[in-house]
C-alpha atoms as a PDB file:
ATOM      1  CA  MET A   1     -66.512 163.711 118.045  1.00  0.00           C
ATOM      2  CA  ALA A   2     -69.906 164.689 118.291  1.00  0.00           C
ATOM      3  CA  GLY A   3     -71.484 164.745 121.621  1.00  0.00           C
ATOM      4  CA  ALA A   4     -67.980 164.610 123.305  1.00  0.00           C
ATOM      5  CA  ARG A   5     -67.493 165.710 126.769  1.00  0.00           C
ATOM      6  CA  THR A   6     -64.651 167.200 128.518  1.00  0.00           C
ATOM      7  CA  TRP A   7     -63.505 165.946 132.130  1.00  0.00           C
ATOM      8  CA  VAL A   8     -61.118 167.530 134.271  1.00  0.00           C
ATOM      9  CA  LEU A   9     -58.697 165.271 136.811  1.00  0.00           C
ATOM     10  CA  VAL A  10     -56.726 166.608 139.254  1.00  0.00           C
ATOM     11  CA  ALA A  11     -53.361 164.687 140.070  1.00  0.00           C
ATOM     12  CA  SER A  12     -49.616 165.521 140.957  1.00  0.00           C
ATOM     13  CA  ARG A  13     -48.083 166.152 137.832  1.00  0.00           C
ATOM     14  CA  ASP A  14     -45.743 163.100 138.785  1.00  0.00           C
ATOM     15  CA  HIS A  15     -48.810 160.881 139.018  1.00  0.00           C
ATOM     16  CA  ALA A  16     -50.084 162.477 135.395  1.00  0.00           C
ATOM     17  CA  ARG A  17     -46.675 161.605 133.969  1.00  0.00           C
ATOM     18  CA  ARG A  18     -47.299 157.886 134.660  1.00  0.00           C
ATOM     19  CA  GLY A  19     -50.629 157.885 132.924  1.00  0.00           C
ATOM     20  CA  VAL A  20     -49.006 159.874 129.851  1.00  0.00           C
ATOM     21  CA  ALA A  21     -46.168 156.860 129.771  1.00  0.00           C
ATOM     22  CA  ASP A  22     -48.603 154.166 130.522  1.00  0.00           C
ATOM     23  CA  GLY A  23     -51.785 155.201 128.128  1.00  0.00           C
ATOM     24  CA  PHE A  24     -53.749 155.513 131.314  1.00  0.00           C
ATOM     25  CA  VAL A  25     -56.347 157.984 133.606  1.00  0.00           C
ATOM     26  CA  MET A  26     -57.097 157.333 137.237  1.00  0.00           C
ATOM     27  CA  ALA A  27     -59.495 159.520 139.019  1.00  0.00           C
ATOM     28  CA  ASN A  28     -60.066 160.271 142.854  1.00  0.00           C
ATOM     29  CA  HIS A  29     -57.180 157.559 144.049  1.00  0.00           C
ATOM     30  CA  GLY A  30     -58.653 154.513 141.844  1.00  0.00           C
ATOM     31  CA  LYS A  31     -62.506 154.785 142.130  1.00  0.00           C
ATOM     32  CA  ARG A  32     -64.427 153.172 139.406  1.00  0.00           C
ATOM     33  CA  ALA A  33     -67.487 155.606 139.392  1.00  0.00           C
ATOM     34  CA  PRO A  34     -65.805 158.651 137.691  1.00  0.00           C
ATOM     35  CA  LEU A  35     -64.426 156.867 135.056  1.00  0.00           C
ATOM     36  CA  ALA A  36     -67.522 154.786 134.405  1.00  0.00           C
ATOM     37  CA  ARG A  37     -69.033 158.162 133.147  1.00  0.00           C
ATOM     38  CA  MET A  38     -66.382 158.488 130.260  1.00  0.00           C
ATOM     39  CA  SER A  39     -66.584 157.533 126.950  1.00  0.00           C
ATOM     40  CA  PRO A  40     -64.028 156.990 124.227  1.00  0.00           C
ATOM     41  CA  GLY A  41     -63.283 160.255 122.505  1.00  0.00           C
ATOM     42  CA  ASP A  42     -64.118 162.568 125.561  1.00  0.00           C
ATOM     43  CA  GLY A  43     -61.513 164.938 126.196  1.00  0.00           C
ATOM     44  CA  VAL A  44     -59.070 164.921 129.135  1.00  0.00           C
ATOM     45  CA  ILE A  45     -57.575 167.830 130.824  1.00  0.00           C
ATOM     46  CA  ILE A  46     -55.356 167.125 133.647  1.00  0.00           C
ATOM     47  CA  TYR A  47     -54.789 170.174 136.573  1.00  0.00           C
ATOM     48  CA  SER A  48     -51.917 169.643 138.683  1.00  0.00           C
ATOM     49  CA  PRO A  49     -51.518 171.808 142.065  1.00  0.00           C
ATOM     50  CA  THR A  50     -48.020 169.908 142.723  1.00  0.00           C
ATOM     51  CA  THR A  51     -45.282 168.680 141.205  1.00  0.00           C
ATOM     52  CA  THR A  52     -45.303 165.521 143.025  1.00  0.00           C
ATOM     53  CA  PHE A  53     -47.385 163.689 145.359  1.00  0.00           C
ATOM     54  CA  PRO A  54     -47.913 164.409 148.437  1.00  0.00           C
ATOM     55  CA  LYS A  55     -45.529 166.918 149.223  1.00  0.00           C
ATOM     56  CA  GLY A  56     -44.482 168.500 146.157  1.00  0.00           C
ATOM     57  CA  GLU A  57     -43.797 171.914 144.969  1.00  0.00           C
ATOM     58  CA  PRO A  58     -46.685 174.597 144.233  1.00  0.00           C
ATOM     59  CA  LEU A  59     -47.283 174.023 140.452  1.00  0.00           C
ATOM     60  CA  ARG A  60     -51.208 175.027 140.014  1.00  0.00           C
ATOM     61  CA  ALA A  61     -51.186 174.843 136.301  1.00  0.00           C
ATOM     62  CA  VAL A  62     -52.882 172.329 133.391  1.00  0.00           C
ATOM     63  CA  THR A  63     -49.925 169.898 132.282  1.00  0.00           C
ATOM     64  CA  ILE A  64     -51.426 166.848 130.504  1.00  0.00           C
ATOM     65  CA  VAL A  65     -54.187 166.789 127.606  1.00  0.00           C
ATOM     66  CA  GLY A  66     -55.673 163.825 125.669  1.00  0.00           C
ATOM     67  CA  GLU A  67     -58.468 162.010 125.102  1.00  0.00           C
ATOM     68  CA  VAL A  68     -60.336 158.713 126.489  1.00  0.00           C
ATOM     69  CA  THR A  69     -59.369 155.595 124.463  1.00  0.00           C
ATOM     70  CA  GLY A  70     -60.768 152.909 126.576  1.00  0.00           C
ATOM     71  CA  ASP A  71     -64.079 151.134 126.346  1.00  0.00           C
ATOM     72  CA  GLU A  72     -64.384 150.496 130.059  1.00  0.00           C
ATOM     73  CA  PRO A  73     -62.686 151.037 133.266  1.00  0.00           C
ATOM     74  CA  GLU A  74     -60.342 148.256 134.178  1.00  0.00           C
ATOM     75  CA  PRO A  75     -58.551 147.131 137.006  1.00  0.00           C
ATOM     76  CA  SER A  76     -55.287 148.919 138.087  1.00  0.00           C
ATOM     77  CA  VAL A  77     -52.094 147.828 139.005  1.00  0.00           C
ATOM     78  CA  ALA A  78     -50.897 150.889 140.826  1.00  0.00           C
ATOM     79  CA  ILE A  79     -53.817 150.883 143.124  1.00  0.00           C
ATOM     80  CA  PRO A  80     -54.664 147.225 144.412  1.00  0.00           C
ATOM     81  CA  GLY A  81     -58.783 147.304 143.935  1.00  0.00           C
ATOM     82  CA  GLY A  82     -58.675 150.467 141.717  1.00  0.00           C
ATOM     83  CA  PHE A  83     -59.456 151.219 138.282  1.00  0.00           C
ATOM     84  CA  ARG A  84     -58.044 153.058 135.295  1.00  0.00           C
ATOM     85  CA  ARG A  85     -59.221 153.920 131.930  1.00  0.00           C
ATOM     86  CA  ARG A  86     -57.223 153.892 128.602  1.00  0.00           C
ATOM     87  CA  ALA A  87     -56.154 157.284 127.570  1.00  0.00           C
ATOM     88  CA  ALA A  88     -54.150 159.079 124.861  1.00  0.00           C
ATOM     89  CA  LEU A  89     -52.268 161.647 126.843  1.00  0.00           C
ATOM     90  CA  ARG A  90     -49.266 164.329 126.205  1.00  0.00           C
ATOM     91  CA  GLU A  91     -47.479 166.726 128.603  1.00  0.00           C
ATOM     92  CA  ILE A  92     -47.911 170.258 127.280  1.00  0.00           C
ATOM     93  CA  ALA A  93     -45.722 173.240 129.125  1.00  0.00           C
ATOM     94  CA  PRO A  94     -47.666 174.055 132.143  1.00  0.00           C
ATOM     95  CA  ILE A  95     -50.505 176.297 131.679  1.00  0.00           C
ATOM     96  CA  PRO A  96     -50.879 178.512 134.698  1.00  0.00           C
ATOM     97  CA  LEU A  97     -53.853 178.553 136.668  1.00  0.00           C
ATOM     98  CA  ALA A  98     -54.002 182.860 136.240  1.00  0.00           C
ATOM     99  CA  ASP A  99     -53.900 182.159 132.523  1.00  0.00           C
ATOM    100  CA  ILE A 100     -57.051 179.769 132.720  1.00  0.00           C
ATOM    101  CA  ARG A 101     -59.205 181.415 135.948  1.00  0.00           C
ATOM    102  CA  ASP A 102     -62.298 181.806 133.547  1.00  0.00           C
ATOM    103  CA  HIS A 103     -62.323 178.548 132.207  1.00  0.00           C
ATOM    104  CA  LEU A 104     -61.569 176.489 135.019  1.00  0.00           C
ATOM    105  CA  PRO A 105     -64.181 176.630 138.162  1.00  0.00           C
ATOM    106  CA  MET A 106     -61.902 176.415 141.073  1.00  0.00           C
ATOM    107  CA  SER A 107     -64.845 175.801 143.212  1.00  0.00           C
ATOM    108  CA  ARG A 108     -64.609 172.166 141.664  1.00  0.00           C
ATOM    109  CA  ILE A 109     -61.291 171.452 141.739  1.00  0.00           C
ATOM    110  CA  ARG A 110     -61.139 170.041 145.360  1.00  0.00           C
ATOM    111  CA  PHE A 111     -63.619 167.431 143.741  1.00  0.00           C
ATOM    112  CA  GLY A 112     -60.375 165.908 141.764  1.00  0.00           C
ATOM    113  CA  PHE A 113     -63.079 164.741 138.867  1.00  0.00           C
ATOM    114  CA  PHE A 114     -65.743 166.947 136.908  1.00  0.00           C
ATOM    115  CA  GLU A 115     -67.137 168.135 133.595  1.00  0.00           C
ATOM    116  CA  ILE A 116     -66.404 171.423 131.863  1.00  0.00           C
ATOM    117  CA  ASP A 117     -68.527 172.770 128.693  1.00  0.00           C
ATOM    118  CA  ALA A 118     -67.240 172.745 125.166  1.00  0.00           C
ATOM    119  CA  ALA A 119     -66.292 176.617 125.366  1.00  0.00           C
ATOM    120  CA  ASP A 120     -64.033 176.325 128.417  1.00  0.00           C
ATOM    121  CA  ALA A 121     -62.590 173.127 127.033  1.00  0.00           C
ATOM    122  CA  ALA A 122     -61.659 175.208 124.053  1.00  0.00           C
ATOM    123  CA  GLY A 123     -60.440 178.104 125.783  1.00  0.00           C
ATOM    124  CA  ILE A 124     -57.732 176.098 127.970  1.00  0.00           C
ATOM    125  CA  LEU A 125     -56.605 173.825 124.960  1.00  0.00           C
ATOM    126  CA  ALA A 126     -56.092 177.111 122.631  1.00  0.00           C
ATOM    127  CA  LEU A 127     -53.145 177.870 125.279  1.00  0.00           C
ATOM    128  CA  ALA A 128     -51.815 174.279 125.231  1.00  0.00           C
ATOM    129  CA  LYS A 129     -48.411 173.998 123.722  1.00  0.00           C
ATOM    130  CA  ASP A 130     -46.599 170.663 123.096  1.00  0.00           C
ATOM    131  CA  LEU A 131     -43.812 170.002 125.263  1.00  0.00           C
ATOM    132  CA  ALA A 132     -42.302 168.356 121.740  1.00  0.00           C
ATOM    133  CA  ALA A 133     -42.562 170.832 119.728  1.00  0.00           C
END
C-alpha cells in the first residue's frame, strides 16, 4: 500500500499471542494515542523482550508480524479504559535481536511503540518465517 508506515510494538510473546488470536494490537498498556497514529494497511512488527509478562524468560526477538485493519482505536476488553486496534497478525519463528540489530533501533525499544523506515522494515520482514509453514 502506497504511503503505508511500519510500526514496532513491544510486548511479551504471551500478550502478543492474544492479539493474534483475537485480531488486535495494543500499545503502551492500552494507551489510545499511539494507536490513533496508525492507519489501515500499516505494517506491524512485534518485538518480544520476554516470553511472558511480567517475569518471563528473556526472548529478545521479533515474534509477530502483520497489518493494521481497523479504522480507529476501539475500547479494550482486556484493560478497562484502555484501547486496541484491529489487525491481521501472524506468529513467526522468533527472529533474534542479534539478526536484526542493524534494522531495529535499540534506543527506541524502551518506548514500546515507534515507527521504522521502509528499508528497516523490509530487512526484518525478509527474515520472517511463518510457524505454520
